[in-house]
């Protein structure tokens, strides 16, 4: 009797171990047989954004849960599988990463990155010691309700959800309000010309004043009809001063016009150009490097 008790307990123990092992294995992705509704797409976007927040905080387990729920809501967003593969790999679960990549290639057989993704799969399987056996896909529709990582229902926020960038994606800002700085170059050049012109104008008047001290009313000292050395020097000084005044006046006029024109250009005509609104799906590839592979990972928003 005791022998039979041991056998039964052993069988139950083996069954429990098998159940745990099955639960810890790769989790297949349901077949995609329908089209998401608008509410499904909104819910998927919210879950995707929540997953990005967790991914940026290195909480890969939570990010995976959110992204899986997002993919259940909209199973046509196949690029999410590449995000899931990266998150699984960073978490250390290479089998799940391989499954996500294989599922992506199965559903996107004409992907332009097929060869690179295939090499990534081979590198991951090589580190696991062999190919990952395919997992039977359960039949499931698109309308599986999302759940939070703790098992409860995930509230779907209303309104517009701002995209949150992944670790390798630059932050997505609002419309650009920067203006070209060309008008300020015009203002600066005009200011320089004004200063130079002002210096010439002032120094020219000073020279004229000095010359008039020797040659009042432009009558310079002369001897037998010829200007004396002092008179000639004063005449030359006055001529140079008048020339400087003319040039300085022109430069000041042009410079002031440049300053005024540049300021008018900046504040009246140099309007900021707003970036086009993001109404379509935005996804792009970024570099992704890990142990045993180098390739691309998908980053973006719905």
C-alpha atoms as a PDB file:
ATOM      1  CA  UNK A   1       0.000   0.000   0.000  1.00  0.00           C
ATOM      2  CA  UNK A   2       2.819   2.372   0.889  1.00  0.00           C
ATOM      3  CA  UNK A   3       4.431   1.570  -2.463  1.00  0.00           C
ATOM      4  CA  UNK A   4       1.320   2.657  -4.334  1.00  0.00           C
ATOM      5  CA  UNK A   5       1.217   5.860  -2.291  1.00  0.00           C
ATOM      6  CA  UNK A   6       4.785   6.686  -3.360  1.00  0.00           C
ATOM      7  CA  UNK A   7       3.922   6.007  -7.002  1.00  0.00           C
ATOM      8  CA  UNK A   8       0.864   8.271  -6.927  1.00  0.00           C
ATOM      9  CA  UNK A   9       2.784  11.099  -5.227  1.00  0.00           C
ATOM     10  CA  UNK A  10       5.594  10.746  -7.758  1.00  0.00           C
ATOM     11  CA  UNK A  11       3.158  10.921 -10.636  1.00  0.00           C
ATOM     12  CA  UNK A  12       1.538  14.050  -9.208  1.00  0.00           C
ATOM     13  CA  UNK A  13       4.952  15.654  -8.732  1.00  0.00           C
ATOM     14  CA  UNK A  14       5.977  14.914 -12.314  1.00  0.00           C
ATOM     15  CA  UNK A  15       2.683  16.292 -13.556  1.00  0.00           C
ATOM     16  CA  UNK A  16       3.198  19.502 -11.602  1.00  0.00           C
ATOM     17  CA  UNK A  17       6.721  19.911 -12.969  1.00  0.00           C
ATOM     18  CA  UNK A  18       5.474  19.362 -16.511  1.00  0.00           C
ATOM     19  CA  UNK A  19       2.717  21.920 -16.005  1.00  0.00           C
ATOM     20  CA  UNK A  20       5.143  24.524 -14.692  1.00  0.00           C
ATOM     21  CA  UNK A  21       7.553  23.827 -17.535  1.00  0.00           C
ATOM     22  CA  UNK A  22       4.765  24.233 -20.061  1.00  0.00           C
ATOM     23  CA  UNK A  23       3.683  27.491 -18.450  1.00  0.00           C
ATOM     24  CA  UNK A  24       7.235  28.822 -18.524  1.00  0.00           C
ATOM     25  CA  UNK A  25       7.788  27.993 -22.209  1.00  0.00           C
ATOM     26  CA  UNK A  26       7.333  30.391 -25.123  1.00  0.00           C
ATOM     27  CA  UNK A  27       3.860  31.871 -25.240  1.00  0.00           C
ATOM     28  CA  UNK A  28       2.476  31.667 -28.792  1.00  0.00           C
ATOM     29  CA  UNK A  29       0.741  34.574 -30.481  1.00  0.00           C
ATOM     30  CA  UNK A  30      -2.906  34.046 -31.507  1.00  0.00           C
ATOM     31  CA  UNK A  31      -3.743  33.779 -35.168  1.00  0.00           C
ATOM     32  CA  UNK A  32      -4.728  37.099 -36.719  1.00  0.00           C
ATOM     33  CA  UNK A  33      -8.002  36.419 -38.514  1.00  0.00           C
ATOM     34  CA  UNK A  34      -9.947  39.653 -38.169  1.00  0.00           C
ATOM     35  CA  UNK A  35      -9.715  43.403 -38.556  1.00  0.00           C
ATOM     36  CA  UNK A  36      -9.470  45.686 -35.518  1.00  0.00           C
ATOM     37  CA  UNK A  37     -12.190  48.217 -34.856  1.00  0.00           C
ATOM     38  CA  UNK A  38     -11.481  51.859 -34.156  1.00  0.00           C
ATOM     39  CA  UNK A  39     -11.907  51.288 -30.420  1.00  0.00           C
ATOM     40  CA  UNK A  40      -9.481  48.356 -30.597  1.00  0.00           C
ATOM     41  CA  UNK A  41      -6.878  50.541 -32.295  1.00  0.00           C
ATOM     42  CA  UNK A  42      -7.276  53.270 -29.658  1.00  0.00           C
ATOM     43  CA  UNK A  43      -6.906  50.730 -26.879  1.00  0.00           C
ATOM     44  CA  UNK A  44      -3.873  49.211 -28.622  1.00  0.00           C
ATOM     45  CA  UNK A  45      -2.257  52.632 -28.898  1.00  0.00           C
ATOM     46  CA  UNK A  46      -2.776  53.325 -25.199  1.00  0.00           C
ATOM     47  CA  UNK A  47      -1.324  49.959 -24.230  1.00  0.00           C
ATOM     48  CA  UNK A  48       1.606  50.427 -26.593  1.00  0.00           C
ATOM     49  CA  UNK A  49       2.406  53.807 -25.022  1.00  0.00           C
ATOM     50  CA  UNK A  50       2.204  52.341 -21.522  1.00  0.00           C
ATOM     51  CA  UNK A  51       4.591  49.604 -22.645  1.00  0.00           C
ATOM     52  CA  UNK A  52       7.061  52.186 -23.932  1.00  0.00           C
ATOM     53  CA  UNK A  53       7.098  53.868 -20.530  1.00  0.00           C
ATOM     54  CA  UNK A  54       7.900  50.554 -18.844  1.00  0.00           C
ATOM     55  CA  UNK A  55      10.541  49.727 -21.478  1.00  0.00           C
ATOM     56  CA  UNK A  56      12.303  53.047 -20.900  1.00  0.00           C
ATOM     57  CA  UNK A  57      12.355  52.251 -17.176  1.00  0.00           C
ATOM     58  CA  UNK A  58      13.949  48.844 -17.944  1.00  0.00           C
ATOM     59  CA  UNK A  59      10.808  47.112 -16.622  1.00  0.00           C
ATOM     60  CA  UNK A  60      10.790  44.669 -19.515  1.00  0.00           C
ATOM     61  CA  UNK A  61       8.337  42.226 -17.951  1.00  0.00           C
ATOM     62  CA  UNK A  62       5.654  44.905 -17.662  1.00  0.00           C
ATOM     63  CA  UNK A  63       6.472  46.273 -21.118  1.00  0.00           C
ATOM     64  CA  UNK A  64       6.037  42.794 -22.600  1.00  0.00           C
ATOM     65  CA  UNK A  65       2.646  42.397 -20.912  1.00  0.00           C
ATOM     66  CA  UNK A  66       1.411  45.746 -22.234  1.00  0.00           C
ATOM     67  CA  UNK A  67       2.730  45.114 -25.750  1.00  0.00           C
ATOM     68  CA  UNK A  68       1.229  41.617 -25.869  1.00  0.00           C
ATOM     69  CA  UNK A  69      -2.142  43.054 -24.874  1.00  0.00           C
ATOM     70  CA  UNK A  70      -1.687  45.784 -27.484  1.00  0.00           C
ATOM     71  CA  UNK A  71      -0.972  43.183 -30.162  1.00  0.00           C
ATOM     72  CA  UNK A  72      -4.058  41.221 -29.112  1.00  0.00           C
ATOM     73  CA  UNK A  73      -6.136  44.318 -29.664  1.00  0.00           C
ATOM     74  CA  UNK A  74      -4.590  45.077 -33.064  1.00  0.00           C
ATOM     75  CA  UNK A  75      -2.863  42.020 -34.478  1.00  0.00           C
ATOM     76  CA  UNK A  76      -2.265  43.844 -37.772  1.00  0.00           C
ATOM     77  CA  UNK A  77       0.486  45.923 -36.116  1.00  0.00           C
ATOM     78  CA  UNK A  78       3.123  43.276 -36.804  1.00  0.00           C
ATOM     79  CA  UNK A  79       6.052  45.596 -36.104  1.00  0.00           C
ATOM     80  CA  UNK A  80       5.162  45.224 -32.431  1.00  0.00           C
ATOM     81  CA  UNK A  81       6.589  41.707 -32.650  1.00  0.00           C
ATOM     82  CA  UNK A  82      10.052  43.186 -33.175  1.00  0.00           C
ATOM     83  CA  UNK A  83       9.609  45.351 -30.085  1.00  0.00           C
ATOM     84  CA  UNK A  84       8.523  42.278 -28.146  1.00  0.00           C
ATOM     85  CA  UNK A  85      11.545  40.337 -29.393  1.00  0.00           C
ATOM     86  CA  UNK A  86      13.891  43.057 -28.182  1.00  0.00           C
ATOM     87  CA  UNK A  87      12.190  43.279 -24.777  1.00  0.00           C
ATOM     88  CA  UNK A  88      12.307  39.478 -24.337  1.00  0.00           C
ATOM     89  CA  UNK A  89      15.976  39.440 -25.250  1.00  0.00           C
ATOM     90  CA  UNK A  90      16.828  42.198 -22.791  1.00  0.00           C
ATOM     91  CA  UNK A  91      14.907  40.261 -20.156  1.00  0.00           C
ATOM     92  CA  UNK A  92      17.058  37.222 -20.915  1.00  0.00           C
ATOM     93  CA  UNK A  93      14.304  35.091 -22.489  1.00  0.00           C
ATOM     94  CA  UNK A  94      15.847  34.275 -25.856  1.00  0.00           C
ATOM     95  CA  UNK A  95      13.290  31.561 -26.701  1.00  0.00           C
ATOM     96  CA  UNK A  96      10.469  34.087 -26.504  1.00  0.00           C
ATOM     97  CA  UNK A  97      12.568  36.489 -28.596  1.00  0.00           C
ATOM     98  CA  UNK A  98      13.030  33.820 -31.281  1.00  0.00           C
ATOM     99  CA  UNK A  99       9.306  33.039 -31.247  1.00  0.00           C
ATOM    100  CA  UNK A 100       8.421  36.721 -31.722  1.00  0.00           C
ATOM    101  CA  UNK A 101      10.878  37.076 -34.611  1.00  0.00           C
ATOM    102  CA  UNK A 102       9.670  33.880 -36.306  1.00  0.00           C
ATOM    103  CA  UNK A 103       6.065  34.982 -35.912  1.00  0.00           C
ATOM    104  CA  UNK A 104       6.942  38.320 -37.498  1.00  0.00           C
ATOM    105  CA  UNK A 105       8.572  36.664 -40.514  1.00  0.00           C
ATOM    106  CA  UNK A 106       5.639  34.261 -40.810  1.00  0.00           C
ATOM    107  CA  UNK A 107       3.189  37.160 -40.935  1.00  0.00           C
ATOM    108  CA  UNK A 108       5.432  39.523 -42.901  1.00  0.00           C
ATOM    109  CA  UNK A 109       7.172  37.188 -45.379  1.00  0.00           C
ATOM    110  CA  UNK A 110       8.056  40.072 -47.714  1.00  0.00           C
ATOM    111  CA  UNK A 111       9.748  42.196 -45.061  1.00  0.00           C
ATOM    112  CA  UNK A 112      12.753  44.104 -46.497  1.00  0.00           C
ATOM    113  CA  UNK A 113      14.709  43.160 -43.356  1.00  0.00           C
ATOM    114  CA  UNK A 114      13.951  39.465 -43.657  1.00  0.00           C
ATOM    115  CA  UNK A 115      17.570  38.385 -44.189  1.00  0.00           C
ATOM    116  CA  UNK A 116      18.851  40.390 -41.236  1.00  0.00           C
ATOM    117  CA  UNK A 117      16.087  39.150 -38.936  1.00  0.00           C
ATOM    118  CA  UNK A 118      16.794  35.578 -40.035  1.00  0.00           C
ATOM    119  CA  UNK A 119      20.464  35.997 -39.092  1.00  0.00           C
ATOM    120  CA  UNK A 120      19.388  37.359 -35.743  1.00  0.00           C
ATOM    121  CA  UNK A 121      17.223  34.288 -35.188  1.00  0.00           C
ATOM    122  CA  UNK A 122      20.135  32.021 -36.092  1.00  0.00           C
ATOM    123  CA  UNK A 123      22.437  33.799 -33.631  1.00  0.00           C
ATOM    124  CA  UNK A 124      19.885  33.512 -30.847  1.00  0.00           C
ATOM    125  CA  UNK A 125      19.253  29.832 -31.557  1.00  0.00           C
ATOM    126  CA  UNK A 126      22.991  29.184 -31.664  1.00  0.00           C
ATOM    127  CA  UNK A 127      23.318  30.691 -28.179  1.00  0.00           C
ATOM    128  CA  UNK A 128      20.479  28.396 -27.040  1.00  0.00           C
ATOM    129  CA  UNK A 129      22.219  25.316 -28.417  1.00  0.00           C
ATOM    130  CA  UNK A 130      19.783  24.571 -31.227  1.00  0.00           C
ATOM    131  CA  UNK A 131      16.637  25.663 -33.066  1.00  0.00           C
ATOM    132  CA  UNK A 132      13.604  26.612 -31.031  1.00  0.00           C
ATOM    133  CA  UNK A 133      10.763  24.180 -31.689  1.00  0.00           C
ATOM    134  CA  UNK A 134       7.659  25.776 -33.201  1.00  0.00           C
ATOM    135  CA  UNK A 135       4.759  26.322 -30.821  1.00  0.00           C
ATOM    136  CA  UNK A 136       1.187  25.639 -31.841  1.00  0.00           C
ATOM    137  CA  UNK A 137      -0.742  28.868 -32.181  1.00  0.00           C
ATOM    138  CA  UNK A 138      -4.066  29.079 -30.335  1.00  0.00           C
ATOM    139  CA  UNK A 139      -7.163  30.199 -32.167  1.00  0.00           C
ATOM    140  CA  UNK A 140      -8.127  33.563 -30.779  1.00  0.00           C
ATOM    141  CA  UNK A 141      -9.862  36.636 -32.118  1.00  0.00           C
ATOM    142  CA  UNK A 142      -8.857  40.232 -31.981  1.00  0.00           C
ATOM    143  CA  UNK A 143     -11.125  41.206 -29.151  1.00  0.00           C
ATOM    144  CA  UNK A 144      -9.264  39.808 -26.163  1.00  0.00           C
ATOM    145  CA  UNK A 145      -9.623  42.381 -23.370  1.00  0.00           C
ATOM    146  CA  UNK A 146      -6.330  43.881 -22.206  1.00  0.00           C
ATOM    147  CA  UNK A 147      -5.110  43.033 -18.749  1.00  0.00           C
ATOM    148  CA  UNK A 148      -2.622  44.763 -16.540  1.00  0.00           C
ATOM    149  CA  UNK A 149       0.559  42.998 -15.366  1.00  0.00           C
ATOM    150  CA  UNK A 150      -1.073  42.171 -12.018  1.00  0.00           C
ATOM    151  CA  UNK A 151      -3.960  40.392 -13.724  1.00  0.00           C
ATOM    152  CA  UNK A 152      -6.613  43.080 -13.349  1.00  0.00           C
ATOM    153  CA  UNK A 153      -8.350  44.930 -16.113  1.00  0.00           C
ATOM    154  CA  UNK A 154      -6.358  47.707 -17.712  1.00  0.00           C
ATOM    155  CA  UNK A 155      -8.235  50.991 -17.914  1.00  0.00           C
ATOM    156  CA  UNK A 156      -8.091  52.460 -21.400  1.00  0.00           C
ATOM    157  CA  UNK A 157      -7.523  56.217 -21.163  1.00  0.00           C
ATOM    158  CA  UNK A 158      -9.525  58.547 -23.332  1.00  0.00           C
ATOM    159  CA  UNK A 159      -8.250  61.466 -25.344  1.00  0.00           C
ATOM    160  CA  UNK A 160      -5.038  61.823 -27.256  1.00  0.00           C
ATOM    161  CA  UNK A 161      -2.054  59.915 -25.963  1.00  0.00           C
ATOM    162  CA  UNK A 162       1.303  61.551 -26.530  1.00  0.00           C
ATOM    163  CA  UNK A 163       3.944  59.158 -27.883  1.00  0.00           C
ATOM    164  CA  UNK A 164       6.735  58.165 -25.519  1.00  0.00           C
ATOM    165  CA  UNK A 165      10.104  57.460 -27.226  1.00  0.00           C
ATOM    166  CA  UNK A 166      11.998  54.232 -26.728  1.00  0.00           C
ATOM    167  CA  UNK A 167      15.524  54.153 -25.377  1.00  0.00           C
ATOM    168  CA  UNK A 168      17.195  54.752 -28.731  1.00  0.00           C
ATOM    169  CA  UNK A 169      14.628  57.148 -30.142  1.00  0.00           C
ATOM    170  CA  UNK A 170      14.968  60.888 -29.754  1.00  0.00           C
ATOM    171  CA  UNK A 171      12.038  62.490 -27.921  1.00  0.00           C
ATOM    172  CA  UNK A 172       9.091  63.426 -30.079  1.00  0.00           C
ATOM    173  CA  UNK A 173       8.353  67.109 -29.547  1.00  0.00           C
ATOM    174  CA  UNK A 174       5.493  69.250 -30.690  1.00  0.00           C
ATOM    175  CA  UNK A 175       5.457  71.440 -33.797  1.00  0.00           C
ATOM    176  CA  UNK A 176       8.697  73.324 -34.310  1.00  0.00           C
ATOM    177  CA  UNK A 177       8.555  77.017 -33.464  1.00  0.00           C
ATOM    178  CA  UNK A 178      12.149  77.926 -34.257  1.00  0.00           C
ATOM    179  CA  UNK A 179      12.828  80.670 -36.773  1.00  0.00           C
ATOM    180  CA  UNK A 180      15.713  81.014 -39.238  1.00  0.00           C
ATOM    181  CA  UNK A 181      18.463  83.245 -37.877  1.00  0.00           C
ATOM    182  CA  UNK A 182      19.262  84.895 -41.219  1.00  0.00           C
ATOM    183  CA  UNK A 183      17.571  88.203 -40.266  1.00  0.00           C
ATOM    184  CA  UNK A 184      19.874  88.499 -37.271  1.00  0.00           C
ATOM    185  CA  UNK A 185      22.894  88.264 -39.574  1.00  0.00           C
ATOM    186  CA  UNK A 186      21.464  91.220 -41.500  1.00  0.00           C
ATOM    187  CA  UNK A 187      20.958  93.127 -38.241  1.00  0.00           C
ATOM    188  CA  UNK A 188      24.522  92.331 -37.149  1.00  0.00           C
ATOM    189  CA  UNK A 189      26.055  93.392 -40.462  1.00  0.00           C
ATOM    190  CA  UNK A 190      24.028  96.600 -40.397  1.00  0.00           C
ATOM    191  CA  UNK A 191      25.218  97.313 -36.881  1.00  0.00           C
ATOM    192  CA  UNK A 192      28.866  96.894 -37.888  1.00  0.00           C
ATOM    193  CA  UNK A 193      28.449  99.230 -40.871  1.00  0.00           C
ATOM    194  CA  UNK A 194      26.740 101.790 -38.643  1.00  0.00           C
ATOM    195  CA  UNK A 195      29.610 101.718 -36.144  1.00  0.00           C
ATOM    196  CA  UNK A 196      32.273 102.036 -38.854  1.00  0.00           C
ATOM    197  CA  UNK A 197      30.352 104.830 -40.556  1.00  0.00           C
ATOM    198  CA  UNK A 198      29.884 106.633 -37.261  1.00  0.00           C
ATOM    199  CA  UNK A 199      33.608 106.460 -36.529  1.00  0.00           C
ATOM    200  CA  UNK A 200      34.505 107.856 -39.968  1.00  0.00           C
ATOM    201  CA  UNK A 201      31.880 110.586 -39.667  1.00  0.00           C
ATOM    202  CA  UNK A 202      33.102 111.729 -36.244  1.00  0.00           C
ATOM    203  CA  UNK A 203      36.806 111.515 -37.093  1.00  0.00           C
ATOM    204  CA  UNK A 204      36.170 113.362 -40.381  1.00  0.00           C
ATOM    205  CA  UNK A 205      34.447 116.235 -38.615  1.00  0.00           C
ATOM    206  CA  UNK A 206      37.320 116.372 -36.142  1.00  0.00           C
ATOM    207  CA  UNK A 207      39.822 116.698 -38.987  1.00  0.00           C
ATOM    208  CA  UNK A 208      37.747 119.422 -40.633  1.00  0.00           C
ATOM    209  CA  UNK A 209      37.633 121.293 -37.344  1.00  0.00           C
ATOM    210  CA  UNK A 210      41.424 121.064 -36.961  1.00  0.00           C
ATOM    211  CA  UNK A 211      41.935 122.244 -40.553  1.00  0.00           C
ATOM    212  CA  UNK A 212      39.622 125.243 -40.083  1.00  0.00           C
ATOM    213  CA  UNK A 213      41.749 126.397 -37.166  1.00  0.00           C
ATOM    214  CA  UNK A 214      44.624 126.914 -39.605  1.00  0.00           C
ATOM    215  CA  UNK A 215      42.475 127.830 -42.605  1.00  0.00           C
ATOM    216  CA  UNK A 216      39.492 129.890 -41.394  1.00  0.00           C
ATOM    217  CA  UNK A 217      36.819 130.179 -44.071  1.00  0.00           C
ATOM    218  CA  UNK A 218      39.007 127.836 -46.130  1.00  0.00           C
ATOM    219  CA  UNK A 219      41.677 130.484 -46.524  1.00  0.00           C
ATOM    220  CA  UNK A 220      44.961 128.715 -45.870  1.00  0.00           C
ATOM    221  CA  UNK A 221      48.249 130.555 -45.286  1.00  0.00           C
ATOM    222  CA  UNK A 222      50.093 131.305 -48.539  1.00  0.00           C
ATOM    223  CA  UNK A 223      53.350 132.912 -49.566  1.00  0.00           C
ATOM    224  CA  UNK A 224      53.566 134.575 -52.962  1.00  0.00           C
ATOM    225  CA  UNK A 225      50.444 132.732 -54.112  1.00  0.00           C
ATOM    226  CA  UNK A 226      51.657 129.355 -52.949  1.00  0.00           C
ATOM    227  CA  UNK A 227      50.416 127.610 -49.834  1.00  0.00           C
ATOM    228  CA  UNK A 228      52.866 127.318 -47.033  1.00  0.00           C
ATOM    229  CA  UNK A 229      53.743 123.912 -45.642  1.00  0.00           C
ATOM    230  CA  UNK A 230      51.370 124.480 -42.747  1.00  0.00           C
ATOM    231  CA  UNK A 231      48.637 125.643 -45.074  1.00  0.00           C
ATOM    232  CA  UNK A 232      49.074 122.659 -47.405  1.00  0.00           C
ATOM    233  CA  UNK A 233      48.944 120.234 -44.482  1.00  0.00           C
ATOM    234  CA  UNK A 234      45.776 121.883 -43.184  1.00  0.00           C
ATOM    235  CA  UNK A 235      44.183 121.753 -46.652  1.00  0.00           C
ATOM    236  CA  UNK A 236      44.980 118.050 -47.024  1.00  0.00           C
ATOM    237  CA  UNK A 237      43.641 117.372 -43.535  1.00  0.00           C
ATOM    238  CA  UNK A 238      40.398 119.151 -44.346  1.00  0.00           C
ATOM    239  CA  UNK A 239      39.983 117.302 -47.657  1.00  0.00           C
ATOM    240  CA  UNK A 240      40.525 113.970 -45.896  1.00  0.00           C
ATOM    241  CA  UNK A 241      38.016 114.934 -43.208  1.00  0.00           C
ATOM    242  CA  UNK A 242      35.328 115.857 -45.754  1.00  0.00           C
ATOM    243  CA  UNK A 243      35.914 112.579 -47.599  1.00  0.00           C
ATOM    244  CA  UNK A 244      35.575 110.620 -44.349  1.00  0.00           C
ATOM    245  CA  UNK A 245      32.358 112.442 -43.491  1.00  0.00           C
ATOM    246  CA  UNK A 246      30.815 111.521 -46.853  1.00  0.00           C
ATOM    247  CA  UNK A 247      31.866 107.863 -46.639  1.00  0.00           C
ATOM    248  CA  UNK A 248      30.804 107.643 -42.993  1.00  0.00           C
ATOM    249  CA  UNK A 249      27.405 109.106 -43.782  1.00  0.00           C
ATOM    250  CA  UNK A 250      26.833 106.563 -46.558  1.00  0.00           C
ATOM    251  CA  UNK A 251      27.922 103.650 -44.341  1.00  0.00           C
ATOM    252  CA  UNK A 252      25.708 104.809 -41.486  1.00  0.00           C
ATOM    253  CA  UNK A 253      22.743 105.075 -43.833  1.00  0.00           C
ATOM    254  CA  UNK A 254      23.269 101.598 -45.247  1.00  0.00           C
ATOM    255  CA  UNK A 255      23.944 100.148 -41.790  1.00  0.00           C
ATOM    256  CA  UNK A 256      20.860 101.669 -40.197  1.00  0.00           C
ATOM    257  CA  UNK A 257      18.777 100.450 -43.131  1.00  0.00           C
ATOM    258  CA  UNK A 258      20.173  96.946 -42.570  1.00  0.00           C
ATOM    259  CA  UNK A 259      19.369  97.036 -38.851  1.00  0.00           C
ATOM    260  CA  UNK A 260      15.820  98.247 -39.414  1.00  0.00           C
ATOM    261  CA  UNK A 261      15.251  95.893 -42.342  1.00  0.00           C
ATOM    262  CA  UNK A 262      16.581  92.898 -40.412  1.00  0.00           C
ATOM    263  CA  UNK A 263      14.359  93.635 -37.418  1.00  0.00           C
ATOM    264  CA  UNK A 264      11.301  94.063 -39.632  1.00  0.00           C
ATOM    265  CA  UNK A 265      12.163  90.815 -41.414  1.00  0.00           C
ATOM    266  CA  UNK A 266      12.548  88.964 -38.117  1.00  0.00           C
ATOM    267  CA  UNK A 267       9.405  90.144 -36.363  1.00  0.00           C
ATOM    268  CA  UNK A 268       7.043  90.761 -39.280  1.00  0.00           C
ATOM    269  CA  UNK A 269       7.906  88.198 -41.941  1.00  0.00           C
ATOM    270  CA  UNK A 270      10.096  85.510 -40.363  1.00  0.00           C
ATOM    271  CA  UNK A 271       7.247  83.300 -39.144  1.00  0.00           C
ATOM    272  CA  UNK A 272       7.955  79.904 -37.534  1.00  0.00           C
ATOM    273  CA  UNK A 273       7.053  76.896 -39.643  1.00  0.00           C
ATOM    274  CA  UNK A 274       4.947  74.327 -37.829  1.00  0.00           C
ATOM    275  CA  UNK A 275       5.760  70.651 -38.398  1.00  0.00           C
ATOM    276  CA  UNK A 276       3.028  68.608 -40.164  1.00  0.00           C
ATOM    277  CA  UNK A 277       0.670  66.806 -37.835  1.00  0.00           C
ATOM    278  CA  UNK A 278       1.299  63.110 -37.329  1.00  0.00           C
ATOM    279  CA  UNK A 279      -1.951  61.610 -38.504  1.00  0.00           C
ATOM    280  CA  UNK A 280      -0.594  58.337 -39.808  1.00  0.00           C
ATOM    281  CA  UNK A 281       1.265  55.530 -38.162  1.00  0.00           C
ATOM    282  CA  UNK A 282       4.880  56.355 -37.380  1.00  0.00           C
ATOM    283  CA  UNK A 283       7.325  53.496 -37.199  1.00  0.00           C
ATOM    284  CA  UNK A 284      11.004  53.359 -37.962  1.00  0.00           C
ATOM    285  CA  UNK A 285      13.979  51.168 -37.372  1.00  0.00           C
ATOM    286  CA  UNK A 286      16.819  51.930 -35.035  1.00  0.00           C
ATOM    287  CA  UNK A 287      20.129  50.198 -34.315  1.00  0.00           C
ATOM    288  CA  UNK A 288      19.953  47.373 -31.811  1.00  0.00           C
ATOM    289  CA  UNK A 289      23.053  45.603 -30.518  1.00  0.00           C
ATOM    290  CA  UNK A 290      23.089  42.685 -28.110  1.00  0.00           C
ATOM    291  CA  UNK A 291      25.100  39.651 -27.166  1.00  0.00           C
ATOM    292  CA  UNK A 292      25.497  37.453 -30.225  1.00  0.00           C
ATOM    293  CA  UNK A 293      23.805  39.731 -32.735  1.00  0.00           C
ATOM    294  CA  UNK A 294      23.615  43.203 -34.185  1.00  0.00           C
ATOM    295  CA  UNK A 295      20.595  44.392 -36.091  1.00  0.00           C
ATOM    296  CA  UNK A 296      17.553  46.648 -35.991  1.00  0.00           C
ATOM    297  CA  UNK A 297      14.638  47.114 -33.640  1.00  0.00           C
ATOM    298  CA  UNK A 298      11.353  48.848 -34.322  1.00  0.00           C
ATOM    299  CA  UNK A 299      10.631  52.129 -32.615  1.00  0.00           C
ATOM    300  CA  UNK A 300       7.694  54.461 -33.021  1.00  0.00           C
ATOM    301  CA  UNK A 301       3.994  54.853 -32.374  1.00  0.00           C
ATOM    302  CA  UNK A 302       0.677  53.801 -33.848  1.00  0.00           C
END
